């Protein structure tokens, strides 16, 4: 970096599917790494960039029309933590990116802060969904495939 500080290594990418021209990823490895730098578990994380447009799942009723933009997946039984970035329609990429940077990734960073182990027991996900018109973010926490918390944020 030009300011003389040491550059943090990027979170490793272990999967990156090729996408057709009609699809894009809403955020890249550099933006993710920058947003999550210094957070708990940074060194344990890896990223998978998928090829499908996905809904939030599981999702509360108020988030049923949101598309998935980002997720943290933790299987505490195996000790695996990873980040999932699904594809989004290319025409929605700019809005999805803005919503992730403004609200989604800061919420992920907050969610990754250290907590008592009982908060992360079993198969845990933290999903960031987005909706257009008006632009909104839905944050969904689930434990063993059941929603345990959610919120919708207008951005």
C-alpha atoms as a PDB file:
ATOM      1  CA  UNK A   1       0.000   0.000   0.000  1.00  0.00           C
ATOM      2  CA  UNK A   2       1.225   3.477  -0.694  1.00  0.00           C
ATOM      3  CA  UNK A   3       0.745   4.802   2.853  1.00  0.00           C
ATOM      4  CA  UNK A   4       3.467   2.517   4.220  1.00  0.00           C
ATOM      5  CA  UNK A   5       1.189   0.132   6.111  1.00  0.00           C
ATOM      6  CA  UNK A   6       1.449  -3.606   5.596  1.00  0.00           C
ATOM      7  CA  UNK A   7      -1.065  -4.995   3.138  1.00  0.00           C
ATOM      8  CA  UNK A   8      -3.355  -7.651   4.580  1.00  0.00           C
ATOM      9  CA  UNK A   9      -3.594 -10.768   2.409  1.00  0.00           C
ATOM     10  CA  UNK A  10      -6.906 -11.288   0.647  1.00  0.00           C
ATOM     11  CA  UNK A  11      -9.333 -13.850   2.009  1.00  0.00           C
ATOM     12  CA  UNK A  12      -8.589 -16.916  -0.156  1.00  0.00           C
ATOM     13  CA  UNK A  13     -10.982 -17.830  -2.959  1.00  0.00           C
ATOM     14  CA  UNK A  14     -11.478 -21.599  -3.150  1.00  0.00           C
ATOM     15  CA  UNK A  15     -14.296 -21.626  -5.708  1.00  0.00           C
ATOM     16  CA  UNK A  16     -15.066 -19.243  -8.568  1.00  0.00           C
ATOM     17  CA  UNK A  17     -17.590 -20.460 -11.103  1.00  0.00           C
ATOM     18  CA  UNK A  18     -17.598 -19.030 -14.625  1.00  0.00           C
ATOM     19  CA  UNK A  19     -20.644 -16.891 -15.282  1.00  0.00           C
ATOM     20  CA  UNK A  20     -22.634 -16.190 -18.429  1.00  0.00           C
ATOM     21  CA  UNK A  21     -22.722 -12.535 -19.541  1.00  0.00           C
ATOM     22  CA  UNK A  22     -26.172 -12.112 -18.026  1.00  0.00           C
ATOM     23  CA  UNK A  23     -24.853 -12.722 -14.487  1.00  0.00           C
ATOM     24  CA  UNK A  24     -22.255 -11.039 -12.258  1.00  0.00           C
ATOM     25  CA  UNK A  25     -20.957 -11.278  -8.729  1.00  0.00           C
ATOM     26  CA  UNK A  26     -22.090  -8.297  -6.641  1.00  0.00           C
ATOM     27  CA  UNK A  27     -18.740  -7.899  -4.887  1.00  0.00           C
ATOM     28  CA  UNK A  28     -15.193  -9.174  -5.360  1.00  0.00           C
ATOM     29  CA  UNK A  29     -12.499 -10.652  -3.145  1.00  0.00           C
ATOM     30  CA  UNK A  30     -10.698  -7.337  -2.636  1.00  0.00           C
ATOM     31  CA  UNK A  31     -13.826  -5.476  -1.465  1.00  0.00           C
ATOM     32  CA  UNK A  32     -14.764  -8.351   0.859  1.00  0.00           C
ATOM     33  CA  UNK A  33     -11.258  -8.538   2.332  1.00  0.00           C
ATOM     34  CA  UNK A  34     -11.092  -4.773   2.807  1.00  0.00           C
ATOM     35  CA  UNK A  35     -14.507  -4.682   4.539  1.00  0.00           C
ATOM     36  CA  UNK A  36     -13.691  -7.588   6.865  1.00  0.00           C
ATOM     37  CA  UNK A  37     -10.025  -6.793   7.568  1.00  0.00           C
ATOM     38  CA  UNK A  38      -9.152  -7.224  11.218  1.00  0.00           C
ATOM     39  CA  UNK A  39     -12.398  -8.947  12.162  1.00  0.00           C
ATOM     40  CA  UNK A  40     -12.551 -12.121  14.195  1.00  0.00           C
ATOM     41  CA  UNK A  41     -11.965 -15.299  12.193  1.00  0.00           C
ATOM     42  CA  UNK A  42     -10.466 -13.382   9.230  1.00  0.00           C
ATOM     43  CA  UNK A  43      -7.647 -15.932   8.912  1.00  0.00           C
ATOM     44  CA  UNK A  44     -10.132 -18.844   8.970  1.00  0.00           C
ATOM     45  CA  UNK A  45     -12.380 -17.561   6.178  1.00  0.00           C
ATOM     46  CA  UNK A  46     -12.402 -18.519   2.524  1.00  0.00           C
ATOM     47  CA  UNK A  47     -14.731 -17.441  -0.278  1.00  0.00           C
ATOM     48  CA  UNK A  48     -16.862 -19.292  -2.814  1.00  0.00           C
ATOM     49  CA  UNK A  49     -18.201 -17.350  -5.799  1.00  0.00           C
ATOM     50  CA  UNK A  50     -21.208 -19.267  -7.138  1.00  0.00           C
ATOM     51  CA  UNK A  51     -22.919 -19.356 -10.516  1.00  0.00           C
ATOM     52  CA  UNK A  52     -26.586 -19.298  -9.543  1.00  0.00           C
ATOM     53  CA  UNK A  53     -29.006 -16.529  -8.582  1.00  0.00           C
ATOM     54  CA  UNK A  54     -30.409 -17.589  -5.215  1.00  0.00           C
ATOM     55  CA  UNK A  55     -33.226 -16.500  -2.911  1.00  0.00           C
ATOM     56  CA  UNK A  56     -32.715 -16.104   0.809  1.00  0.00           C
ATOM     57  CA  UNK A  57     -33.230 -19.489   2.444  1.00  0.00           C
ATOM     58  CA  UNK A  58     -34.434 -19.857   5.070  1.00  0.00           C
ATOM     59  CA  UNK A  59     -36.172 -16.491   4.985  1.00  0.00           C
ATOM     60  CA  UNK A  60     -38.806 -14.793   7.090  1.00  0.00           C
ATOM     61  CA  UNK A  61     -41.998 -13.751   5.307  1.00  0.00           C
ATOM     62  CA  UNK A  62     -40.982 -10.072   5.058  1.00  0.00           C
ATOM     63  CA  UNK A  63     -37.834 -11.075   3.120  1.00  0.00           C
ATOM     64  CA  UNK A  64     -39.485 -13.509   0.717  1.00  0.00           C
ATOM     65  CA  UNK A  65     -38.843 -11.358  -2.373  1.00  0.00           C
ATOM     66  CA  UNK A  66     -35.173 -10.633  -1.610  1.00  0.00           C
ATOM     67  CA  UNK A  67     -32.291 -12.155  -3.586  1.00  0.00           C
ATOM     68  CA  UNK A  68     -29.235 -13.484  -1.774  1.00  0.00           C
ATOM     69  CA  UNK A  69     -26.173 -11.252  -2.232  1.00  0.00           C
ATOM     70  CA  UNK A  70     -23.793 -12.660   0.400  1.00  0.00           C
ATOM     71  CA  UNK A  71     -23.699 -15.232   3.180  1.00  0.00           C
ATOM     72  CA  UNK A  72     -21.440 -16.417   5.970  1.00  0.00           C
ATOM     73  CA  UNK A  73     -21.736 -20.149   6.532  1.00  0.00           C
ATOM     74  CA  UNK A  74     -20.418 -21.825   9.648  1.00  0.00           C
ATOM     75  CA  UNK A  75     -20.569 -25.511  10.379  1.00  0.00           C
ATOM     76  CA  UNK A  76     -19.358 -25.629  13.961  1.00  0.00           C
ATOM     77  CA  UNK A  77     -19.339 -29.419  13.931  1.00  0.00           C
ATOM     78  CA  UNK A  78     -16.531 -29.369  11.336  1.00  0.00           C
ATOM     79  CA  UNK A  79     -15.106 -25.976  12.339  1.00  0.00           C
ATOM     80  CA  UNK A  80     -15.496 -24.621   8.802  1.00  0.00           C
ATOM     81  CA  UNK A  81     -16.270 -20.948   8.148  1.00  0.00           C
ATOM     82  CA  UNK A  82     -16.704 -19.609   4.633  1.00  0.00           C
ATOM     83  CA  UNK A  83     -18.219 -16.773   2.650  1.00  0.00           C
ATOM     84  CA  UNK A  84     -20.628 -17.407  -0.207  1.00  0.00           C
ATOM     85  CA  UNK A  85     -21.169 -14.896  -3.008  1.00  0.00           C
ATOM     86  CA  UNK A  86     -23.909 -16.025  -5.392  1.00  0.00           C
ATOM     87  CA  UNK A  87     -24.467 -14.571  -8.840  1.00  0.00           C
ATOM     88  CA  UNK A  88     -26.902 -11.718  -9.428  1.00  0.00           C
ATOM     89  CA  UNK A  89     -28.430 -10.525 -12.708  1.00  0.00           C
ATOM     90  CA  UNK A  90     -25.880  -8.191 -14.344  1.00  0.00           C
ATOM     91  CA  UNK A  91     -28.392  -5.351 -14.536  1.00  0.00           C
ATOM     92  CA  UNK A  92     -28.773  -5.521 -10.718  1.00  0.00           C
ATOM     93  CA  UNK A  93     -25.059  -5.750  -9.907  1.00  0.00           C
ATOM     94  CA  UNK A  94     -24.501  -2.041  -9.269  1.00  0.00           C
ATOM     95  CA  UNK A  95     -27.372  -1.749  -6.777  1.00  0.00           C
ATOM     96  CA  UNK A  96     -26.475  -5.049  -5.082  1.00  0.00           C
ATOM     97  CA  UNK A  97     -22.842  -3.876  -4.767  1.00  0.00           C
ATOM     98  CA  UNK A  98     -23.853  -0.519  -3.267  1.00  0.00           C
ATOM     99  CA  UNK A  99     -26.172  -2.199  -0.756  1.00  0.00           C
ATOM    100  CA  UNK A 100     -23.502  -4.708   0.263  1.00  0.00           C
ATOM    101  CA  UNK A 101     -20.852  -2.028   0.769  1.00  0.00           C
ATOM    102  CA  UNK A 102     -23.189   0.383   2.585  1.00  0.00           C
ATOM    103  CA  UNK A 103     -25.033  -2.036   4.870  1.00  0.00           C
ATOM    104  CA  UNK A 104     -24.402  -5.724   4.174  1.00  0.00           C
ATOM    105  CA  UNK A 105     -20.655  -6.093   4.720  1.00  0.00           C
ATOM    106  CA  UNK A 106     -20.613  -3.837   7.818  1.00  0.00           C
ATOM    107  CA  UNK A 107     -23.363  -6.073   9.274  1.00  0.00           C
ATOM    108  CA  UNK A 108     -21.311  -9.178   8.424  1.00  0.00           C
ATOM    109  CA  UNK A 109     -18.288  -7.653  10.141  1.00  0.00           C
ATOM    110  CA  UNK A 110     -20.368  -6.950  13.257  1.00  0.00           C
ATOM    111  CA  UNK A 111     -21.851 -10.456  13.219  1.00  0.00           C
ATOM    112  CA  UNK A 112     -18.362 -12.018  13.004  1.00  0.00           C
ATOM    113  CA  UNK A 113     -17.175 -10.329  16.202  1.00  0.00           C
ATOM    114  CA  UNK A 114     -16.353 -12.744  19.026  1.00  0.00           C
ATOM    115  CA  UNK A 115     -19.350 -14.149  20.911  1.00  0.00           C
ATOM    116  CA  UNK A 116     -19.849 -16.895  23.450  1.00  0.00           C
ATOM    117  CA  UNK A 117     -19.590 -20.271  21.726  1.00  0.00           C
ATOM    118  CA  UNK A 118     -23.270 -20.980  22.414  1.00  0.00           C
ATOM    119  CA  UNK A 119     -24.105 -18.243  19.899  1.00  0.00           C
ATOM    120  CA  UNK A 120     -22.482 -20.278  17.123  1.00  0.00           C
ATOM    121  CA  UNK A 121     -23.496 -23.857  17.898  1.00  0.00           C
ATOM    122  CA  UNK A 122     -24.458 -26.122  15.006  1.00  0.00           C
ATOM    123  CA  UNK A 123     -24.954 -25.049  11.392  1.00  0.00           C
ATOM    124  CA  UNK A 124     -25.147 -21.251  11.395  1.00  0.00           C
ATOM    125  CA  UNK A 125     -25.712 -18.823   8.528  1.00  0.00           C
ATOM    126  CA  UNK A 126     -25.820 -15.062   8.285  1.00  0.00           C
ATOM    127  CA  UNK A 127     -27.388 -14.008   4.984  1.00  0.00           C
ATOM    128  CA  UNK A 128     -27.498 -10.619   3.299  1.00  0.00           C
ATOM    129  CA  UNK A 129     -30.313 -10.234   0.814  1.00  0.00           C
ATOM    130  CA  UNK A 130     -31.254  -7.273  -1.340  1.00  0.00           C
ATOM    131  CA  UNK A 131     -34.383  -5.923  -2.979  1.00  0.00           C
ATOM    132  CA  UNK A 132     -34.797  -3.194  -5.570  1.00  0.00           C
ATOM    133  CA  UNK A 133     -37.293  -0.326  -5.541  1.00  0.00           C
ATOM    134  CA  UNK A 134     -36.932   0.859  -2.899  1.00  0.00           C
ATOM    135  CA  UNK A 135     -33.410  -0.456  -2.273  1.00  0.00           C
ATOM    136  CA  UNK A 136     -33.380  -2.530   0.913  1.00  0.00           C
ATOM    137  CA  UNK A 137     -31.177  -5.047   2.666  1.00  0.00           C
ATOM    138  CA  UNK A 138     -32.492  -8.022   4.626  1.00  0.00           C
ATOM    139  CA  UNK A 139     -30.206  -9.585   7.243  1.00  0.00           C
ATOM    140  CA  UNK A 140     -31.148 -13.128   8.267  1.00  0.00           C
ATOM    141  CA  UNK A 141     -29.540 -15.225  10.993  1.00  0.00           C
ATOM    142  CA  UNK A 142     -30.328 -18.924  11.051  1.00  0.00           C
ATOM    143  CA  UNK A 143     -29.358 -21.854  13.209  1.00  0.00           C
ATOM    144  CA  UNK A 144     -29.723 -25.382  11.871  1.00  0.00           C
ATOM    145  CA  UNK A 145     -31.804 -24.069   8.923  1.00  0.00           C
ATOM    146  CA  UNK A 146     -34.296 -22.156  11.106  1.00  0.00           C
ATOM    147  CA  UNK A 147     -34.512 -18.350  11.195  1.00  0.00           C
ATOM    148  CA  UNK A 148     -33.488 -17.028  14.608  1.00  0.00           C
ATOM    149  CA  UNK A 149     -33.310 -13.326  13.746  1.00  0.00           C
ATOM    150  CA  UNK A 150     -33.856 -10.918  10.886  1.00  0.00           C
ATOM    151  CA  UNK A 151     -34.085  -7.246  10.054  1.00  0.00           C
ATOM    152  CA  UNK A 152     -34.813  -5.161   6.980  1.00  0.00           C
ATOM    153  CA  UNK A 153     -32.812  -1.979   6.422  1.00  0.00           C
ATOM    154  CA  UNK A 154     -33.675   0.728   3.919  1.00  0.00           C
ATOM    155  CA  UNK A 155     -30.580   2.178   2.294  1.00  0.00           C
END
